[in-house]
Amino acid sequence: MTQPISMEMLKLLACPEDHQPLALAPAALVAALNDEIARKCLRDAAGRLAQEPMDAGLLRADGLRLYPIVSGLPVLRVEAGIVLTAAQRQAG
């Protein structure tokens, strides 16, 4: 698998909500969230159903929010983040 985002770029990115550092999400977590997207049961922070599967994700340092990377681009908008449940965090 190719790196979805360079390490240099990752160092520059931060959570748009509280400016915590971001790290690449574990592949298992992204796969679990993509499964929820396919089943039409994953909602973003704004309450909208997530429509597109993620290539990868950026996980906030506290592990409570994930920002999707779609078509190679990080979607760093507060409302586009996914507030992770305890079960989702354990999947990763």
PDB file of N, CA and C in Angstrom:
ATOM      1  N   MET A   1       0.840  -1.182   0.000  1.00  0.00           N
ATOM      2  CA  MET A   1       0.000   0.000   0.000  1.00  0.00           C
ATOM      3  C   MET A   1       0.886   1.247   0.000  1.00  0.00           C
ATOM      4  N   THR A   2       0.546   2.218  -0.799  1.00  0.00           N
ATOM      5  CA  THR A   2       1.311   3.445  -0.829  1.00  0.00           C
ATOM      6  C   THR A   2       0.896   4.343   0.325  1.00  0.00           C
ATOM      7  N   GLN A   3       1.833   5.174   0.744  1.00  0.00           N
ATOM      8  CA  GLN A   3       1.572   6.112   1.826  1.00  0.00           C
ATOM      9  C   GLN A   3       0.555   7.144   1.337  1.00  0.00           C
ATOM     10  N   PRO A   4      -0.606   7.296   2.003  1.00  0.00           N
ATOM     11  CA  PRO A   4      -1.627   8.221   1.532  1.00  0.00           C
ATOM     12  C   PRO A   4      -1.233   9.691   1.701  1.00  0.00           C
ATOM     13  N   ILE A   5      -0.294   9.964   2.580  1.00  0.00           N
ATOM     14  CA  ILE A   5       0.119  11.340   2.844  1.00  0.00           C
ATOM     15  C   ILE A   5       1.568  11.293   3.325  1.00  0.00           C
ATOM     16  N   SER A   6       2.371  12.229   2.891  1.00  0.00           N
ATOM     17  CA  SER A   6       3.787  12.215   3.264  1.00  0.00           C
ATOM     18  C   SER A   6       3.958  12.558   4.744  1.00  0.00           C
ATOM     19  N   MET A   7       5.029  12.068   5.310  1.00  0.00           N
ATOM     20  CA  MET A   7       5.311  12.345   6.717  1.00  0.00           C
ATOM     21  C   MET A   7       5.576  13.839   6.929  1.00  0.00           C
ATOM     22  N   GLU A   8       6.172  14.500   5.939  1.00  0.00           N
ATOM     23  CA  GLU A   8       6.414  15.937   6.043  1.00  0.00           C
ATOM     24  C   GLU A   8       5.080  16.694   6.128  1.00  0.00           C
ATOM     25  N   MET A   9       4.133  16.292   5.278  1.00  0.00           N
ATOM     26  CA  MET A   9       2.814  16.932   5.288  1.00  0.00           C
ATOM     27  C   MET A   9       2.092  16.630   6.598  1.00  0.00           C
ATOM     28  N   LEU A  10       2.181  15.410   7.066  1.00  0.00           N
ATOM     29  CA  LEU A  10       1.503  15.014   8.298  1.00  0.00           C
ATOM     30  C   LEU A  10       1.960  15.876   9.476  1.00  0.00           C
ATOM     31  N   LYS A  11       3.221  16.233   9.517  1.00  0.00           N
ATOM     32  CA  LYS A  11       3.747  17.061  10.605  1.00  0.00           C
ATOM     33  C   LYS A  11       3.122  18.459  10.614  1.00  0.00           C
ATOM     34  N   LEU A  12       2.638  18.914   9.471  1.00  0.00           N
ATOM     35  CA  LEU A  12       2.057  20.245   9.358  1.00  0.00           C
ATOM     36  C   LEU A  12       0.569  20.281   9.688  1.00  0.00           C
ATOM     37  N   LEU A  13      -0.084  19.134   9.673  1.00  0.00           N
ATOM     38  CA  LEU A  13      -1.530  19.073   9.858  1.00  0.00           C
ATOM     39  C   LEU A  13      -1.911  18.974  11.328  1.00  0.00           C
ATOM     40  N   ALA A  14      -3.064  19.545  11.661  1.00  0.00           N
ATOM     41  CA  ALA A  14      -3.591  19.468  13.021  1.00  0.00           C
ATOM     42  C   ALA A  14      -5.105  19.408  12.942  1.00  0.00           C
ATOM     43  N   CYS A  15      -5.708  18.949  14.003  1.00  0.00           N
ATOM     44  CA  CYS A  15      -7.167  18.903  14.081  1.00  0.00           C
ATOM     45  C   CYS A  15      -7.717  20.324  13.955  1.00  0.00           C
ATOM     46  N   PRO A  16      -8.677  20.543  13.057  1.00  0.00           N
ATOM     47  CA  PRO A  16      -9.242  21.880  12.906  1.00  0.00           C
ATOM     48  C   PRO A  16     -10.103  22.313  14.095  1.00  0.00           C
ATOM     49  N   GLU A  17     -10.502  21.359  14.916  1.00  0.00           N
ATOM     50  CA  GLU A  17     -11.351  21.695  16.064  1.00  0.00           C
ATOM     51  C   GLU A  17     -10.529  22.201  17.249  1.00  0.00           C
ATOM     52  N   ASP A  18      -9.463  21.460  17.605  1.00  0.00           N
ATOM     53  CA  ASP A  18      -8.712  21.829  18.816  1.00  0.00           C
ATOM     54  C   ASP A  18      -7.193  21.836  18.618  1.00  0.00           C
ATOM     55  N   HIS A  19      -6.757  21.651  17.388  1.00  0.00           N
ATOM     56  CA  HIS A  19      -5.347  21.749  16.998  1.00  0.00           C
ATOM     57  C   HIS A  19      -4.448  20.649  17.574  1.00  0.00           C
ATOM     58  N   GLN A  20      -5.042  19.534  17.999  1.00  0.00           N
ATOM     59  CA  GLN A  20      -4.234  18.394  18.419  1.00  0.00           C
ATOM     60  C   GLN A  20      -3.506  17.826  17.203  1.00  0.00           C
ATOM     61  N   PRO A  21      -2.358  17.189  17.426  1.00  0.00           N
ATOM     62  CA  PRO A  21      -1.661  16.534  16.312  1.00  0.00           C
ATOM     63  C   PRO A  21      -2.506  15.398  15.737  1.00  0.00           C
ATOM     64  N   LEU A  22      -2.239  15.093  14.484  1.00  0.00           N
ATOM     65  CA  LEU A  22      -2.920  14.001  13.786  1.00  0.00           C
ATOM     66  C   LEU A  22      -1.899  12.951  13.380  1.00  0.00           C
ATOM     67  N   ALA A  23      -2.342  11.703  13.344  1.00  0.00           N
ATOM     68  CA  ALA A  23      -1.509  10.591  12.894  1.00  0.00           C
ATOM     69  C   ALA A  23      -2.345   9.722  11.965  1.00  0.00           C
ATOM     70  N   LEU A  24      -1.668   8.966  11.135  1.00  0.00           N
ATOM     71  CA  LEU A  24      -2.404   8.045  10.266  1.00  0.00           C
ATOM     72  C   LEU A  24      -3.143   7.023  11.117  1.00  0.00           C
ATOM     73  N   ALA A  25      -4.395   6.804  10.803  1.00  0.00           N
ATOM     74  CA  ALA A  25      -5.216   5.840  11.532  1.00  0.00           C
ATOM     75  C   ALA A  25      -4.809   4.423  11.153  1.00  0.00           C
ATOM     76  N   PRO A  26      -4.932   3.488  12.087  1.00  0.00           N
ATOM     77  CA  PRO A  26      -4.640   2.089  11.767  1.00  0.00           C
ATOM     78  C   PRO A  26      -5.553   1.593  10.640  1.00  0.00           C
ATOM     79  N   ALA A  27      -5.002   0.755   9.784  1.00  0.00           N
ATOM     80  CA  ALA A  27      -5.755   0.218   8.645  1.00  0.00           C
ATOM     81  C   ALA A  27      -7.009  -0.518   9.108  1.00  0.00           C
ATOM     82  N   ALA A  28      -6.930  -1.198  10.253  1.00  0.00           N
ATOM     83  CA  ALA A  28      -8.096  -1.944  10.756  1.00  0.00           C
ATOM     84  C   ALA A  28      -9.248  -0.995  11.095  1.00  0.00           C
ATOM     85  N   LEU A  29      -8.934   0.169  11.638  1.00  0.00           N
ATOM     86  CA  LEU A  29      -9.983   1.146  11.956  1.00  0.00           C
ATOM     87  C   LEU A  29     -10.607   1.688  10.677  1.00  0.00           C
ATOM     88  N   VAL A  30      -9.788   2.030   9.692  1.00  0.00           N
ATOM     89  CA  VAL A  30     -10.305   2.533   8.416  1.00  0.00           C
ATOM     90  C   VAL A  30     -11.187   1.480   7.759  1.00  0.00           C
ATOM     91  N   ALA A  31     -10.756   0.224   7.787  1.00  0.00           N
ATOM     92  CA  ALA A  31     -11.548  -0.860   7.191  1.00  0.00           C
ATOM     93  C   ALA A  31     -12.892  -1.008   7.908  1.00  0.00           C
ATOM     94  N   ALA A  32     -12.883  -0.916   9.228  1.00  0.00           N
ATOM     95  CA  ALA A  32     -14.134  -1.032   9.996  1.00  0.00           C
ATOM     96  C   ALA A  32     -15.079   0.130   9.667  1.00  0.00           C
ATOM     97  N   LEU A  33     -14.528   1.341   9.555  1.00  0.00           N
ATOM     98  CA  LEU A  33     -15.367   2.497   9.222  1.00  0.00           C
ATOM     99  C   LEU A  33     -15.884   2.401   7.794  1.00  0.00           C
ATOM    100  N   ASN A  34     -15.052   1.920   6.868  1.00  0.00           N
ATOM    101  CA  ASN A  34     -15.520   1.736   5.484  1.00  0.00           C
ATOM    102  C   ASN A  34     -16.639   0.707   5.419  1.00  0.00           C
ATOM    103  N   ASP A  35     -16.587  -0.300   6.270  1.00  0.00           N
ATOM    104  CA  ASP A  35     -17.673  -1.278   6.335  1.00  0.00           C
ATOM    105  C   ASP A  35     -18.967  -0.597   6.796  1.00  0.00           C
ATOM    106  N   GLU A  36     -18.853   0.291   7.762  1.00  0.00           N
ATOM    107  CA  GLU A  36     -20.037   1.028   8.225  1.00  0.00           C
ATOM    108  C   GLU A  36     -20.570   1.952   7.127  1.00  0.00           C
ATOM    109  N   ILE A  37     -19.673   2.539   6.347  1.00  0.00           N
ATOM    110  CA  ILE A  37     -20.103   3.383   5.223  1.00  0.00           C
ATOM    111  C   ILE A  37     -20.882   2.540   4.221  1.00  0.00           C
ATOM    112  N   ALA A  38     -20.373   1.352   3.909  1.00  0.00           N
ATOM    113  CA  ALA A  38     -21.042   0.462   2.957  1.00  0.00           C
ATOM    114  C   ALA A  38     -22.427   0.054   3.454  1.00  0.00           C
ATOM    115  N   ARG A  39     -22.569  -0.091   4.771  1.00  0.00           N
ATOM    116  CA  ARG A  39     -23.861  -0.461   5.355  1.00  0.00           C
ATOM    117  C   ARG A  39     -24.757   0.748   5.612  1.00  0.00           C
ATOM    118  N   LYS A  40     -24.250   1.939   5.235  1.00  0.00           N
ATOM    119  CA  LYS A  40     -24.994   3.189   5.391  1.00  0.00           C
ATOM    120  C   LYS A  40     -25.380   3.465   6.839  1.00  0.00           C
ATOM    121  N   CYS A  41     -24.391   3.312   7.731  1.00  0.00           N
ATOM    122  CA  CYS A  41     -24.687   3.582   9.139  1.00  0.00           C
ATOM    123  C   CYS A  41     -23.613   4.436   9.820  1.00  0.00           C
ATOM    124  N   LEU A  42     -22.711   5.038   9.040  1.00  0.00           N
ATOM    125  CA  LEU A  42     -21.687   5.897   9.629  1.00  0.00           C
ATOM    126  C   LEU A  42     -22.038   7.356   9.355  1.00  0.00           C
ATOM    127  N   ARG A  43     -22.048   8.149  10.402  1.00  0.00           N
ATOM    128  CA  ARG A  43     -22.360   9.575  10.279  1.00  0.00           C
ATOM    129  C   ARG A  43     -21.148  10.408  10.682  1.00  0.00           C
ATOM    130  N   ASP A  44     -21.027  11.565  10.051  1.00  0.00           N
ATOM    131  CA  ASP A  44     -19.946  12.477  10.405  1.00  0.00           C
ATOM    132  C   ASP A  44     -20.384  13.342  11.587  1.00  0.00           C
ATOM    133  N   ALA A  45     -19.529  14.258  12.002  1.00  0.00           N
ATOM    134  CA  ALA A  45     -19.819  15.090  13.172  1.00  0.00           C
ATOM    135  C   ALA A  45     -21.033  15.986  12.968  1.00  0.00           C
ATOM    136  N   ALA A  46     -21.367  16.277  11.718  1.00  0.00           N
ATOM    137  CA  ALA A  46     -22.555  17.096  11.418  1.00  0.00           C
ATOM    138  C   ALA A  46     -23.828  16.254  11.369  1.00  0.00           C
ATOM    139  N   GLY A  47     -23.695  14.949  11.511  1.00  0.00           N
ATOM    140  CA  GLY A  47     -24.864  14.075  11.483  1.00  0.00           C
ATOM    141  C   GLY A  47     -25.230  13.555  10.108  1.00  0.00           C
ATOM    142  N   ARG A  48     -24.437  13.893   9.104  1.00  0.00           N
ATOM    143  CA  ARG A  48     -24.713  13.416   7.736  1.00  0.00           C
ATOM    144  C   ARG A  48     -24.146  12.024   7.544  1.00  0.00           C
ATOM    145  N   LEU A  49     -24.845  11.225   6.746  1.00  0.00           N
ATOM    146  CA  LEU A  49     -24.331   9.898   6.401  1.00  0.00           C
ATOM    147  C   LEU A  49     -23.063  10.034   5.575  1.00  0.00           C
ATOM    148  N   ALA A  50     -22.023   9.309   5.963  1.00  0.00           N
ATOM    149  CA  ALA A  50     -20.795   9.280   5.175  1.00  0.00           C
ATOM    150  C   ALA A  50     -21.092   8.532   3.880  1.00  0.00           C
ATOM    151  N   GLN A  51     -20.693   9.097   2.758  1.00  0.00           N
ATOM    152  CA  GLN A  51     -21.044   8.534   1.449  1.00  0.00           C
ATOM    153  C   GLN A  51     -19.885   7.803   0.774  1.00  0.00           C
ATOM    154  N   GLU A  52     -18.689   8.362   0.863  1.00  0.00           N
ATOM    155  CA  GLU A  52     -17.553   7.814   0.131  1.00  0.00           C
ATOM    156  C   GLU A  52     -16.640   7.024   1.045  1.00  0.00           C
ATOM    157  N   PRO A  53     -16.166   5.852   0.573  1.00  0.00           N
ATOM    158  CA  PRO A  53     -15.182   5.123   1.375  1.00  0.00           C
ATOM    159  C   PRO A  53     -13.889   5.923   1.476  1.00  0.00           C
ATOM    160  N   MET A  54     -13.176   5.709   2.558  1.00  0.00           N
ATOM    161  CA  MET A  54     -11.918   6.405   2.810  1.00  0.00           C
ATOM    162  C   MET A  54     -10.744   5.620   2.245  1.00  0.00           C
ATOM    163  N   ASP A  55      -9.750   6.356   1.758  1.00  0.00           N
ATOM    164  CA  ASP A  55      -8.475   5.735   1.405  1.00  0.00           C
ATOM    165  C   ASP A  55      -7.704   5.433   2.685  1.00  0.00           C
ATOM    166  N   ALA A  56      -7.819   6.347   3.630  1.00  0.00           N
ATOM    167  CA  ALA A  56      -7.118   6.278   4.913  1.00  0.00           C
ATOM    168  C   ALA A  56      -7.802   7.281   5.831  1.00  0.00           C
ATOM    169  N   GLY A  57      -7.243   7.481   7.003  1.00  0.00           N
ATOM    170  CA  GLY A  57      -7.803   8.450   7.926  1.00  0.00           C
ATOM    171  C   GLY A  57      -6.729   9.081   8.774  1.00  0.00           C
ATOM    172  N   LEU A  58      -7.019  10.264   9.279  1.00  0.00           N
ATOM    173  CA  LEU A  58      -6.125  10.964  10.200  1.00  0.00           C
ATOM    174  C   LEU A  58      -6.782  10.954  11.571  1.00  0.00           C
ATOM    175  N   LEU A  59      -6.104  10.352  12.516  1.00  0.00           N
ATOM    176  CA  LEU A  59      -6.641  10.163  13.859  1.00  0.00           C
ATOM    177  C   LEU A  59      -6.085  11.243  14.781  1.00  0.00           C
ATOM    178  N   ARG A  60      -6.976  11.902  15.495  1.00  0.00           N
ATOM    179  CA  ARG A  60      -6.562  12.926  16.455  1.00  0.00           C
ATOM    180  C   ARG A  60      -5.782  12.259  17.590  1.00  0.00           C
ATOM    181  N   ALA A  61      -4.865  12.982  18.203  1.00  0.00           N
ATOM    182  CA  ALA A  61      -3.988  12.429  19.241  1.00  0.00           C
ATOM    183  C   ALA A  61      -4.758  11.770  20.383  1.00  0.00           C
ATOM    184  N   ASP A  62      -5.927  12.300  20.743  1.00  0.00           N
ATOM    185  CA  ASP A  62      -6.698  11.694  21.835  1.00  0.00           C
ATOM    186  C   ASP A  62      -7.510  10.478  21.388  1.00  0.00           C
ATOM    187  N   GLY A  63      -7.495  10.190  20.079  1.00  0.00           N
ATOM    188  CA  GLY A  63      -8.182   9.010  19.554  1.00  0.00           C
ATOM    189  C   GLY A  63      -9.691   9.131  19.464  1.00  0.00           C
ATOM    190  N   LEU A  64     -10.235  10.316  19.682  1.00  0.00           N
ATOM    191  CA  LEU A  64     -11.688  10.469  19.718  1.00  0.00           C
ATOM    192  C   LEU A  64     -12.310  10.919  18.400  1.00  0.00           C
ATOM    193  N   ARG A  65     -11.494  11.387  17.472  1.00  0.00           N
ATOM    194  CA  ARG A  65     -12.032  11.886  16.208  1.00  0.00           C
ATOM    195  C   ARG A  65     -11.096  11.484  15.080  1.00  0.00           C
ATOM    196  N   LEU A  66     -11.702  11.148  13.935  1.00  0.00           N
ATOM    197  CA  LEU A  66     -10.952  10.764  12.744  1.00  0.00           C
ATOM    198  C   LEU A  66     -11.407  11.630  11.579  1.00  0.00           C
ATOM    199  N   TYR A  67     -10.445  12.095  10.811  1.00  0.00           N
ATOM    200  CA  TYR A  67     -10.729  12.858   9.595  1.00  0.00           C
ATOM    201  C   TYR A  67     -10.402  11.978   8.400  1.00  0.00           C
ATOM    202  N   PRO A  68     -11.346  11.809   7.483  1.00  0.00           N
ATOM    203  CA  PRO A  68     -11.121  10.907   6.351  1.00  0.00           C
ATOM    204  C   PRO A  68     -10.134  11.482   5.333  1.00  0.00           C
ATOM    205  N   ILE A  69      -9.453  10.585   4.668  1.00  0.00           N
ATOM    206  CA  ILE A  69      -8.676  10.923   3.480  1.00  0.00           C
ATOM    207  C   ILE A  69      -9.409  10.260   2.329  1.00  0.00           C
ATOM    208  N   VAL A  70      -9.933  11.072   1.414  1.00  0.00           N
ATOM    209  CA  VAL A  70     -10.746  10.589   0.300  1.00  0.00           C
ATOM    210  C   VAL A  70     -10.089  11.043  -1.002  1.00  0.00           C
ATOM    211  N   SER A  71      -9.903  10.109  -1.913  1.00  0.00           N
ATOM    212  CA  SER A  71      -9.232  10.395  -3.184  1.00  0.00           C
ATOM    213  C   SER A  71      -7.875  11.054  -2.958  1.00  0.00           C
ATOM    214  N   GLY A  72      -7.200  10.618  -1.898  1.00  0.00           N
ATOM    215  CA  GLY A  72      -5.861  11.108  -1.598  1.00  0.00           C
ATOM    216  C   GLY A  72      -5.807  12.442  -0.880  1.00  0.00           C
ATOM    217  N   LEU A  73      -6.959  13.051  -0.604  1.00  0.00           N
ATOM    218  CA  LEU A  73      -6.991  14.372   0.030  1.00  0.00           C
ATOM    219  C   LEU A  73      -7.577  14.302   1.438  1.00  0.00           C
ATOM    220  N   PRO A  74      -6.872  14.850   2.441  1.00  0.00           N
ATOM    221  CA  PRO A  74      -7.447  14.899   3.789  1.00  0.00           C
ATOM    222  C   PRO A  74      -8.619  15.875   3.831  1.00  0.00           C
ATOM    223  N   VAL A  75      -9.690  15.460   4.482  1.00  0.00           N
ATOM    224  CA  VAL A  75     -10.881  16.311   4.618  1.00  0.00           C
ATOM    225  C   VAL A  75     -10.855  16.862   6.050  1.00  0.00           C
ATOM    226  N   LEU A  76     -10.221  18.028   6.195  1.00  0.00           N
ATOM    227  CA  LEU A  76     -10.000  18.599   7.521  1.00  0.00           C
ATOM    228  C   LEU A  76     -10.994  19.722   7.810  1.00  0.00           C
ATOM    229  N   ARG A  77     -12.252  19.334   7.902  1.00  0.00           N
ATOM    230  CA  ARG A  77     -13.319  20.235   8.335  1.00  0.00           C
ATOM    231  C   ARG A  77     -13.940  19.624   9.585  1.00  0.00           C
ATOM    232  N   VAL A  78     -14.196  20.439  10.582  1.00  0.00           N
ATOM    233  CA  VAL A  78     -14.746  19.938  11.848  1.00  0.00           C
ATOM    234  C   VAL A  78     -15.974  19.074  11.599  1.00  0.00           C
ATOM    235  N   GLU A  79     -16.887  19.549  10.749  1.00  0.00           N
ATOM    236  CA  GLU A  79     -18.134  18.817  10.519  1.00  0.00           C
ATOM    237  C   GLU A  79     -17.921  17.514   9.752  1.00  0.00           C
ATOM    238  N   ALA A  80     -16.807  17.364   9.056  1.00  0.00           N
ATOM    239  CA  ALA A  80     -16.536  16.140   8.298  1.00  0.00           C
ATOM    240  C   ALA A  80     -15.850  15.075   9.141  1.00  0.00           C
ATOM    241  N   GLY A  81     -15.399  15.444  10.332  1.00  0.00           N
ATOM    242  CA  GLY A  81     -14.751  14.473  11.210  1.00  0.00           C
ATOM    243  C   GLY A  81     -15.737  13.423  11.682  1.00  0.00           C
ATOM    244  N   ILE A  82     -15.202  12.304  12.063  1.00  0.00           N
ATOM    245  CA  ILE A  82     -16.031  11.221  12.593  1.00  0.00           C
ATOM    246  C   ILE A  82     -15.709  11.091  14.072  1.00  0.00           C
ATOM    247  N   VAL A  83     -16.719  11.315  14.902  1.00  0.00           N
ATOM    248  CA  VAL A  83     -16.559  11.161  16.344  1.00  0.00           C
ATOM    249  C   VAL A  83     -16.650   9.664  16.627  1.00  0.00           C
ATOM    250  N   LEU A  84     -15.540   9.107  17.078  1.00  0.00           N
ATOM    251  CA  LEU A  84     -15.450   7.660  17.229  1.00  0.00           C
ATOM    252  C   LEU A  84     -16.092   7.185  18.531  1.00  0.00           C
ATOM    253  N   THR A  85     -16.839   6.099  18.410  1.00  0.00           N
ATOM    254  CA  THR A  85     -17.414   5.447  19.605  1.00  0.00           C
ATOM    255  C   THR A  85     -16.336   4.569  20.230  1.00  0.00           C
ATOM    256  N   ALA A  86     -16.585   4.107  21.439  1.00  0.00           N
ATOM    257  CA  ALA A  86     -15.651   3.214  22.104  1.00  0.00           C
ATOM    258  C   ALA A  86     -15.431   1.945  21.291  1.00  0.00           C
ATOM    259  N   ALA A  87     -16.487   1.407  20.703  1.00  0.00           N
ATOM    260  CA  ALA A  87     -16.380   0.185  19.896  1.00  0.00           C
ATOM    261  C   ALA A  87     -15.532   0.440  18.647  1.00  0.00           C
ATOM    262  N   GLN A  88     -15.709   1.588  18.023  1.00  0.00           N
ATOM    263  CA  GLN A  88     -14.912   1.911  16.847  1.00  0.00           C
ATOM    264  C   GLN A  88     -13.442   2.082  17.215  1.00  0.00           C
ATOM    265  N   ARG A  89     -13.164   2.707  18.365  1.00  0.00           N
ATOM    266  CA  ARG A  89     -11.773   2.892  18.793  1.00  0.00           C
ATOM    267  C   ARG A  89     -11.120   1.545  19.061  1.00  0.00           C
ATOM    268  N   GLN A  90     -11.865   0.591  19.595  1.00  0.00           N
ATOM    269  CA  GLN A  90     -11.303  -0.738  19.841  1.00  0.00           C
ATOM    270  C   GLN A  90     -11.044  -1.495  18.559  1.00  0.00           C
ATOM    271  N   ALA A  91     -11.815  -1.213  17.503  1.00  0.00           N
ATOM    272  CA  ALA A  91     -11.608  -1.869  16.205  1.00  0.00           C
ATOM    273  C   ALA A  91     -10.257  -1.501  15.621  1.00  0.00           C
ATOM    274  N   GLY A  92      -9.762  -0.310  15.978  1.00  0.00           N
ATOM    275  CA  GLY A  92      -8.486   0.153  15.441  1.00  0.00           C
ATOM    276  C   GLY A  92      -7.349  -0.269  16.304  1.00  0.00           C
TER     277      GLY A  92
END
